[in-house]
Amino acid sequence: MITEEDRPKPPELLSLYAATSEAFGILKEEFQVPDTYELVLHHVDAAEPVLRSTLDIAAITMRKIQALRWVATPGVETANDVVVTLAADLLRAIDHLVGCCADEARADALTTFKNHVVLAARRAGGDGGVARLR
């Protein structure tokens, strides 16, 4: 249900703006993700091998973290369902990547980040209706 309700972004979402930078850096270093990642789009099944590679999962997760940072930016209008969807996309990927981390401190930091994302999504979600967040 789309409503005309406008709400301020919850502080938990705004705090993700800074947290995204750390999580992004952890993934980049831990999984040695290059500065440029190419998506192969020549065929619908071209992603199949990518969906199993830790490097590829890390790169795609980093892209979703970039999107989360954008919607967490003060002054950027978004909708609460966008926040919830990004959070859902990130949670499973981060859980998988935590299990692949060689460095326990980085794994713990990613778990902490994931928990902050969950809290922000719950607060942004509100009563289940769709609302604009400013």
N, C-alpha and C. Protein backbone atom coordinates (compact mmCIF):
# COMPACT_ATOMS: atom_id res chain seq x y z
N MET A 1 0.84 -1.18 0.00
CA MET A 1 0.00 0.00 0.00
C MET A 1 0.88 1.24 0.00
N ILE A 2 0.69 2.10 -0.97
CA ILE A 2 1.44 3.35 -1.04
C ILE A 2 0.62 4.42 -0.34
N THR A 3 1.28 5.13 0.54
CA THR A 3 0.62 6.21 1.27
C THR A 3 1.25 7.53 0.87
N GLU A 4 0.63 8.58 1.27
CA GLU A 4 1.18 9.91 1.04
C GLU A 4 2.02 10.36 2.24
N GLU A 5 2.23 9.46 3.15
CA GLU A 5 2.95 9.80 4.36
C GLU A 5 4.41 10.12 4.05
N ASP A 6 4.87 11.20 4.59
CA ASP A 6 6.29 11.55 4.56
C ASP A 6 6.80 11.44 5.98
N ARG A 7 7.92 10.78 6.14
CA ARG A 7 8.51 10.67 7.47
C ARG A 7 9.98 11.03 7.37
N PRO A 8 10.53 11.50 8.46
CA PRO A 8 11.98 11.69 8.45
C PRO A 8 12.66 10.32 8.49
N LYS A 9 13.86 10.27 7.94
CA LYS A 9 14.62 9.02 8.02
C LYS A 9 14.93 8.75 9.49
N PRO A 10 14.79 7.51 9.91
CA PRO A 10 15.13 7.20 11.31
C PRO A 10 16.64 7.35 11.52
N PRO A 11 17.05 7.70 12.73
CA PRO A 11 18.48 7.88 13.01
C PRO A 11 19.30 6.62 12.71
N GLU A 12 18.68 5.46 12.87
CA GLU A 12 19.40 4.21 12.59
C GLU A 12 19.76 4.10 11.11
N LEU A 13 18.91 4.63 10.24
CA LEU A 13 19.22 4.63 8.81
C LEU A 13 20.30 5.67 8.51
N LEU A 14 20.16 6.84 9.06
CA LEU A 14 21.17 7.89 8.83
C LEU A 14 22.55 7.46 9.32
N SER A 15 22.60 6.70 10.40
CA SER A 15 23.90 6.27 10.93
C SER A 15 24.59 5.25 10.01
N LEU A 16 23.83 4.64 9.11
CA LEU A 16 24.44 3.69 8.18
C LEU A 16 25.32 4.39 7.15
N TYR A 17 25.10 5.69 6.94
CA TYR A 17 25.93 6.42 5.98
C TYR A 17 27.41 6.22 6.29
N ALA A 18 27.80 6.42 7.53
CA ALA A 18 29.20 6.25 7.92
C ALA A 18 29.59 4.78 7.98
N ALA A 19 28.69 3.94 8.47
CA ALA A 19 28.99 2.51 8.64
C ALA A 19 29.22 1.81 7.31
N THR A 20 28.59 2.28 6.25
CA THR A 20 28.75 1.64 4.95
C THR A 20 30.19 1.72 4.46
N SER A 21 30.86 2.80 4.77
CA SER A 21 32.25 2.96 4.32
C SER A 21 33.15 1.88 4.91
N GLU A 22 32.99 1.60 6.19
CA GLU A 22 33.81 0.57 6.84
C GLU A 22 33.51 -0.81 6.26
N ALA A 23 32.24 -1.15 6.14
CA ALA A 23 31.87 -2.47 5.61
C ALA A 23 32.37 -2.65 4.18
N PHE A 24 32.23 -1.61 3.38
CA PHE A 24 32.71 -1.64 2.00
C PHE A 24 34.21 -1.92 1.96
N GLY A 25 34.96 -1.21 2.80
CA GLY A 25 36.41 -1.39 2.85
C GLY A 25 36.82 -2.78 3.31
N ILE A 26 36.09 -3.31 4.29
CA ILE A 26 36.38 -4.66 4.78
C ILE A 26 36.21 -5.67 3.66
N LEU A 27 35.11 -5.59 2.93
CA LEU A 27 34.87 -6.53 1.84
C LEU A 27 35.92 -6.40 0.75
N LYS A 28 36.26 -5.17 0.42
CA LYS A 28 37.25 -4.93 -0.63
C LYS A 28 38.60 -5.55 -0.26
N GLU A 29 39.03 -5.33 0.98
CA GLU A 29 40.33 -5.87 1.42
C GLU A 29 40.29 -7.37 1.65
N GLU A 30 39.29 -7.84 2.37
CA GLU A 30 39.23 -9.26 2.74
C GLU A 30 39.15 -10.17 1.52
N PHE A 31 38.39 -9.76 0.52
CA PHE A 31 38.18 -10.61 -0.65
C PHE A 31 38.90 -10.12 -1.89
N GLN A 32 39.77 -9.12 -1.71
CA GLN A 32 40.61 -8.58 -2.78
C GLN A 32 39.80 -8.24 -4.03
N VAL A 33 38.73 -7.50 -3.82
CA VAL A 33 37.86 -7.09 -4.92
C VAL A 33 38.55 -5.95 -5.67
N PRO A 34 38.69 -6.09 -7.00
CA PRO A 34 39.34 -5.03 -7.78
C PRO A 34 38.48 -3.77 -7.83
N ASP A 35 39.09 -2.67 -8.24
CA ASP A 35 38.37 -1.39 -8.33
C ASP A 35 37.25 -1.42 -9.36
N THR A 36 37.37 -2.25 -10.35
CA THR A 36 36.34 -2.38 -11.39
C THR A 36 35.88 -3.82 -11.43
N TYR A 37 34.57 -3.99 -11.43
CA TYR A 37 33.97 -5.32 -11.49
C TYR A 37 33.02 -5.34 -12.68
N GLU A 38 33.18 -6.29 -13.56
CA GLU A 38 32.39 -6.35 -14.78
C GLU A 38 31.22 -7.33 -14.62
N LEU A 39 30.04 -6.86 -14.99
CA LEU A 39 28.86 -7.73 -15.03
C LEU A 39 28.74 -8.32 -16.44
N VAL A 40 28.54 -9.60 -16.50
CA VAL A 40 28.38 -10.28 -17.79
C VAL A 40 26.88 -10.41 -18.05
N LEU A 41 26.42 -9.77 -19.11
CA LEU A 41 24.99 -9.70 -19.37
C LEU A 41 24.61 -10.24 -20.74
N HIS A 42 25.45 -11.05 -21.35
CA HIS A 42 25.16 -11.53 -22.70
C HIS A 42 24.02 -12.54 -22.74
N HIS A 43 23.71 -13.17 -21.61
CA HIS A 43 22.66 -14.19 -21.58
C HIS A 43 22.10 -14.27 -20.17
N VAL A 44 20.86 -14.65 -20.03
CA VAL A 44 20.21 -14.71 -18.72
C VAL A 44 20.91 -15.69 -17.77
N ASP A 45 21.50 -16.75 -18.30
CA ASP A 45 22.18 -17.73 -17.45
C ASP A 45 23.65 -17.41 -17.21
N ALA A 46 24.13 -16.29 -17.71
CA ALA A 46 25.55 -15.95 -17.58
C ALA A 46 25.96 -15.72 -16.12
N ALA A 47 25.03 -15.43 -15.25
CA ALA A 47 25.35 -15.16 -13.85
C ALA A 47 25.55 -16.41 -13.02
N GLU A 48 25.16 -17.57 -13.54
CA GLU A 48 25.21 -18.79 -12.74
C GLU A 48 26.57 -19.05 -12.09
N PRO A 49 27.68 -19.01 -12.81
CA PRO A 49 28.96 -19.25 -12.14
C PRO A 49 29.30 -18.15 -11.12
N VAL A 50 28.84 -16.95 -11.40
CA VAL A 50 29.12 -15.81 -10.52
C VAL A 50 28.43 -15.97 -9.17
N LEU A 51 27.30 -16.61 -9.16
CA LEU A 51 26.52 -16.73 -7.94
C LEU A 51 27.15 -17.69 -6.93
N ARG A 52 28.24 -18.33 -7.32
CA ARG A 52 28.92 -19.28 -6.43
C ARG A 52 30.32 -18.82 -6.02
N SER A 53 30.85 -17.81 -6.64
CA SER A 53 32.20 -17.34 -6.37
C SER A 53 32.19 -16.30 -5.24
N THR A 54 33.04 -16.51 -4.25
CA THR A 54 33.09 -15.58 -3.11
C THR A 54 33.47 -14.17 -3.56
N LEU A 55 34.44 -14.06 -4.47
CA LEU A 55 34.84 -12.74 -4.98
C LEU A 55 33.65 -12.04 -5.62
N ASP A 56 32.90 -12.76 -6.43
CA ASP A 56 31.75 -12.17 -7.11
C ASP A 56 30.66 -11.78 -6.12
N ILE A 57 30.40 -12.62 -5.16
CA ILE A 57 29.40 -12.30 -4.13
C ILE A 57 29.83 -11.05 -3.36
N ALA A 58 31.12 -10.96 -3.03
CA ALA A 58 31.63 -9.78 -2.32
C ALA A 58 31.45 -8.52 -3.17
N ALA A 59 31.76 -8.61 -4.47
CA ALA A 59 31.64 -7.44 -5.35
C ALA A 59 30.18 -7.00 -5.47
N ILE A 60 29.28 -7.93 -5.65
CA ILE A 60 27.86 -7.59 -5.76
C ILE A 60 27.34 -7.01 -4.44
N THR A 61 27.81 -7.55 -3.35
CA THR A 61 27.43 -7.03 -2.03
C THR A 61 27.94 -5.61 -1.85
N MET A 62 29.14 -5.35 -2.32
CA MET A 62 29.69 -3.99 -2.25
C MET A 62 28.82 -3.01 -3.04
N ARG A 63 28.30 -3.44 -4.18
CA ARG A 63 27.43 -2.58 -4.97
C ARG A 63 26.14 -2.26 -4.21
N LYS A 64 25.61 -3.26 -3.51
CA LYS A 64 24.40 -3.03 -2.72
C LYS A 64 24.70 -2.11 -1.54
N ILE A 65 25.90 -2.21 -0.99
CA ILE A 65 26.28 -1.30 0.09
C ILE A 65 26.38 0.13 -0.44
N GLN A 66 26.86 0.29 -1.69
CA GLN A 66 26.88 1.62 -2.29
C GLN A 66 25.45 2.18 -2.39
N ALA A 67 24.51 1.33 -2.79
CA ALA A 67 23.11 1.77 -2.89
C ALA A 67 22.55 2.12 -1.52
N LEU A 68 22.89 1.32 -0.51
CA LEU A 68 22.43 1.61 0.84
C LEU A 68 23.00 2.94 1.34
N ARG A 69 24.26 3.19 1.04
CA ARG A 69 24.86 4.47 1.45
C ARG A 69 24.12 5.63 0.81
N TRP A 70 23.74 5.47 -0.47
CA TRP A 70 23.01 6.53 -1.16
C TRP A 70 21.68 6.81 -0.46
N VAL A 71 20.91 5.77 -0.15
CA VAL A 71 19.60 6.02 0.48
C VAL A 71 19.74 6.46 1.94
N ALA A 72 20.89 6.21 2.55
CA ALA A 72 21.13 6.66 3.93
C ALA A 72 21.65 8.10 3.97
N THR A 73 21.96 8.66 2.83
CA THR A 73 22.50 10.02 2.76
C THR A 73 21.44 11.03 3.21
N PRO A 74 21.80 11.89 4.16
CA PRO A 74 20.86 12.94 4.57
C PRO A 74 20.44 13.78 3.36
N GLY A 75 19.15 14.04 3.25
CA GLY A 75 18.63 14.86 2.17
C GLY A 75 18.21 14.09 0.93
N VAL A 76 18.62 12.84 0.82
CA VAL A 76 18.21 12.02 -0.33
C VAL A 76 16.88 11.36 0.01
N GLU A 77 15.87 11.64 -0.80
CA GLU A 77 14.55 11.06 -0.57
C GLU A 77 14.55 9.61 -1.05
N THR A 78 13.91 8.76 -0.28
CA THR A 78 13.76 7.37 -0.66
C THR A 78 12.42 6.88 -0.13
N ALA A 79 12.15 5.62 -0.28
CA ALA A 79 10.95 5.03 0.29
C ALA A 79 11.39 3.93 1.25
N ASN A 80 10.58 3.72 2.27
CA ASN A 80 10.96 2.73 3.27
C ASN A 80 11.06 1.32 2.70
N ASP A 81 10.27 1.01 1.67
CA ASP A 81 10.37 -0.33 1.09
C ASP A 81 11.70 -0.54 0.37
N VAL A 82 12.31 0.53 -0.12
CA VAL A 82 13.64 0.43 -0.74
C VAL A 82 14.66 0.03 0.31
N VAL A 83 14.58 0.64 1.48
CA VAL A 83 15.50 0.32 2.57
C VAL A 83 15.33 -1.13 3.00
N VAL A 84 14.10 -1.57 3.15
CA VAL A 84 13.83 -2.95 3.58
C VAL A 84 14.34 -3.94 2.53
N THR A 85 14.13 -3.65 1.27
CA THR A 85 14.59 -4.54 0.20
C THR A 85 16.11 -4.63 0.15
N LEU A 86 16.78 -3.49 0.26
CA LEU A 86 18.25 -3.50 0.28
C LEU A 86 18.76 -4.30 1.48
N ALA A 87 18.13 -4.11 2.62
CA ALA A 87 18.54 -4.85 3.82
C ALA A 87 18.39 -6.34 3.61
N ALA A 88 17.26 -6.76 3.06
CA ALA A 88 17.03 -8.19 2.82
C ALA A 88 18.07 -8.75 1.86
N ASP A 89 18.41 -7.99 0.82
CA ASP A 89 19.44 -8.43 -0.12
C ASP A 89 20.80 -8.58 0.55
N LEU A 90 21.10 -7.68 1.44
CA LEU A 90 22.42 -7.68 2.08
C LEU A 90 22.58 -8.75 3.15
N LEU A 91 21.53 -9.06 3.88
CA LEU A 91 21.67 -9.92 5.06
C LEU A 91 22.23 -11.30 4.73
N ARG A 92 21.66 -11.96 3.78
CA ARG A 92 22.14 -13.31 3.44
C ARG A 92 23.54 -13.28 2.86
N ALA A 93 23.80 -12.29 2.02
CA ALA A 93 25.14 -12.19 1.43
C ALA A 93 26.19 -11.94 2.51
N ILE A 94 25.89 -11.05 3.44
CA ILE A 94 26.86 -10.77 4.51
C ILE A 94 27.05 -12.00 5.38
N ASP A 95 25.97 -12.69 5.71
CA ASP A 95 26.11 -13.93 6.49
C ASP A 95 27.05 -14.90 5.78
N HIS A 96 26.88 -15.07 4.48
CA HIS A 96 27.74 -15.97 3.71
C HIS A 96 29.20 -15.49 3.76
N LEU A 97 29.40 -14.20 3.54
CA LEU A 97 30.76 -13.67 3.49
C LEU A 97 31.44 -13.70 4.85
N VAL A 98 30.69 -13.52 5.92
CA VAL A 98 31.27 -13.63 7.27
C VAL A 98 31.88 -15.01 7.44
N GLY A 99 31.19 -16.03 6.96
CA GLY A 99 31.70 -17.39 7.05
C GLY A 99 32.94 -17.64 6.21
N CYS A 100 33.19 -16.78 5.25
CA CYS A 100 34.35 -16.92 4.36
C CYS A 100 35.53 -16.05 4.79
N CYS A 101 35.33 -15.19 5.77
CA CYS A 101 36.40 -14.29 6.21
C CYS A 101 37.53 -15.08 6.88
N ALA A 102 38.75 -14.74 6.52
CA ALA A 102 39.93 -15.33 7.16
C ALA A 102 40.26 -14.58 8.45
N ASP A 103 39.84 -13.33 8.53
CA ASP A 103 40.16 -12.47 9.67
C ASP A 103 38.93 -12.36 10.58
N GLU A 104 39.07 -12.82 11.81
CA GLU A 104 37.94 -12.82 12.75
C GLU A 104 37.44 -11.42 13.09
N ALA A 105 38.35 -10.46 13.20
CA ALA A 105 37.94 -9.09 13.52
C ALA A 105 37.08 -8.51 12.39
N ARG A 106 37.46 -8.80 11.15
CA ARG A 106 36.66 -8.32 10.01
C ARG A 106 35.30 -9.02 9.99
N ALA A 107 35.28 -10.31 10.28
CA ALA A 107 34.02 -11.06 10.33
C ALA A 107 33.10 -10.46 11.39
N ASP A 108 33.65 -10.14 12.54
CA ASP A 108 32.86 -9.54 13.62
C ASP A 108 32.35 -8.16 13.22
N ALA A 109 33.18 -7.37 12.54
CA ALA A 109 32.76 -6.04 12.10
C ALA A 109 31.63 -6.14 11.07
N LEU A 110 31.71 -7.12 10.18
CA LEU A 110 30.63 -7.31 9.20
C LEU A 110 29.34 -7.75 9.88
N THR A 111 29.45 -8.59 10.90
CA THR A 111 28.26 -9.02 11.65
C THR A 111 27.63 -7.82 12.36
N THR A 112 28.44 -6.97 12.95
CA THR A 112 27.94 -5.76 13.60
C THR A 112 27.23 -4.87 12.59
N PHE A 113 27.84 -4.70 11.42
CA PHE A 113 27.23 -3.90 10.35
C PHE A 113 25.87 -4.50 9.96
N LYS A 114 25.84 -5.81 9.78
CA LYS A 114 24.59 -6.49 9.41
C LYS A 114 23.51 -6.21 10.46
N ASN A 115 23.86 -6.27 11.72
CA ASN A 115 22.89 -6.01 12.78
C ASN A 115 22.38 -4.58 12.73
N HIS A 116 23.24 -3.63 12.38
CA HIS A 116 22.81 -2.24 12.24
C HIS A 116 21.86 -2.08 11.05
N VAL A 117 22.14 -2.81 9.97
CA VAL A 117 21.26 -2.77 8.80
C VAL A 117 19.88 -3.32 9.16
N VAL A 118 19.84 -4.40 9.91
CA VAL A 118 18.56 -4.99 10.33
C VAL A 118 17.77 -3.98 11.15
N LEU A 119 18.41 -3.34 12.10
CA LEU A 119 17.73 -2.36 12.95
C LEU A 119 17.21 -1.19 12.11
N ALA A 120 18.03 -0.69 11.20
CA ALA A 120 17.61 0.43 10.36
C ALA A 120 16.41 0.05 9.50
N ALA A 121 16.42 -1.17 8.96
CA ALA A 121 15.30 -1.61 8.13
C ALA A 121 14.03 -1.73 8.95
N ARG A 122 14.15 -2.24 10.15
CA ARG A 122 12.96 -2.35 11.02
C ARG A 122 12.39 -0.99 11.34
N ARG A 123 13.27 -0.05 11.65
CA ARG A 123 12.80 1.30 11.98
C ARG A 123 12.23 2.00 10.75
N ALA A 124 12.86 1.81 9.60
CA ALA A 124 12.37 2.44 8.36
C ALA A 124 11.06 1.82 7.91
N GLY A 125 10.91 0.51 8.13
CA GLY A 125 9.72 -0.20 7.68
C GLY A 125 8.44 0.31 8.27
N GLY A 126 8.50 0.77 9.50
CA GLY A 126 7.30 1.31 10.14
C GLY A 126 6.22 0.27 10.29
N ASP A 127 5.00 0.65 9.93
CA ASP A 127 3.84 -0.23 10.12
C ASP A 127 3.57 -1.15 8.93
N GLY A 128 4.47 -1.17 7.98
CA GLY A 128 4.29 -2.05 6.82
C GLY A 128 3.80 -1.32 5.58
N GLY A 129 3.29 -0.13 5.73
CA GLY A 129 2.88 0.66 4.57
C GLY A 129 4.11 1.29 3.92
N VAL A 130 3.96 1.75 2.70
CA VAL A 130 5.06 2.40 2.00
C VAL A 130 4.97 3.90 2.25
N ALA A 131 6.08 4.46 2.67
CA ALA A 131 6.14 5.88 2.98
C ALA A 131 7.42 6.47 2.43
N ARG A 132 7.38 7.75 2.11
CA ARG A 132 8.58 8.46 1.70
C ARG A 132 9.39 8.81 2.93
N LEU A 133 10.68 8.61 2.80
CA LEU A 133 11.60 8.99 3.89
C LEU A 133 12.45 10.15 3.39
N ARG A 134 12.51 11.17 4.19
CA ARG A 134 13.29 12.37 3.81
C ARG A 134 14.40 12.61 4.80
